[in-house]
Amino acid sequence: MSTESGLMIIRREILIWFALVAQLGIIMSVSIYIGYRAGFWLDQVFGTRMWFTIGGTLLGVASGFYSLYRLVARMMEREATDGDDEE
């Protein structure tokens, strides 16, 4: 393996992990925002005082963590199968 191709592999890995980190941030922020907005809307409809907002935000956080778990599990599975192919 030449030095140049080794650098290309390292750059590719860095870009893959950068994309993963960006995806994690987007998933969490969108999930929390959607849960918050849905809860806020329900509070306005039913005239409650922040109960649905709190519940919706917590549901958004839980949904975000679940999505993150699935994404990381999929990435780890892909890494494991890529490692098996190299052997």
Foldseek 3Di string as FASTA:
>chain_A
DDPVVVVVVVVVVVVVVVVLVVVLVVLLVVLLVVLQVVLVVVCVVVVHDCPSNVVSNVRSNVRSVVVNVVVVVVVVVVVVVVVVVVD
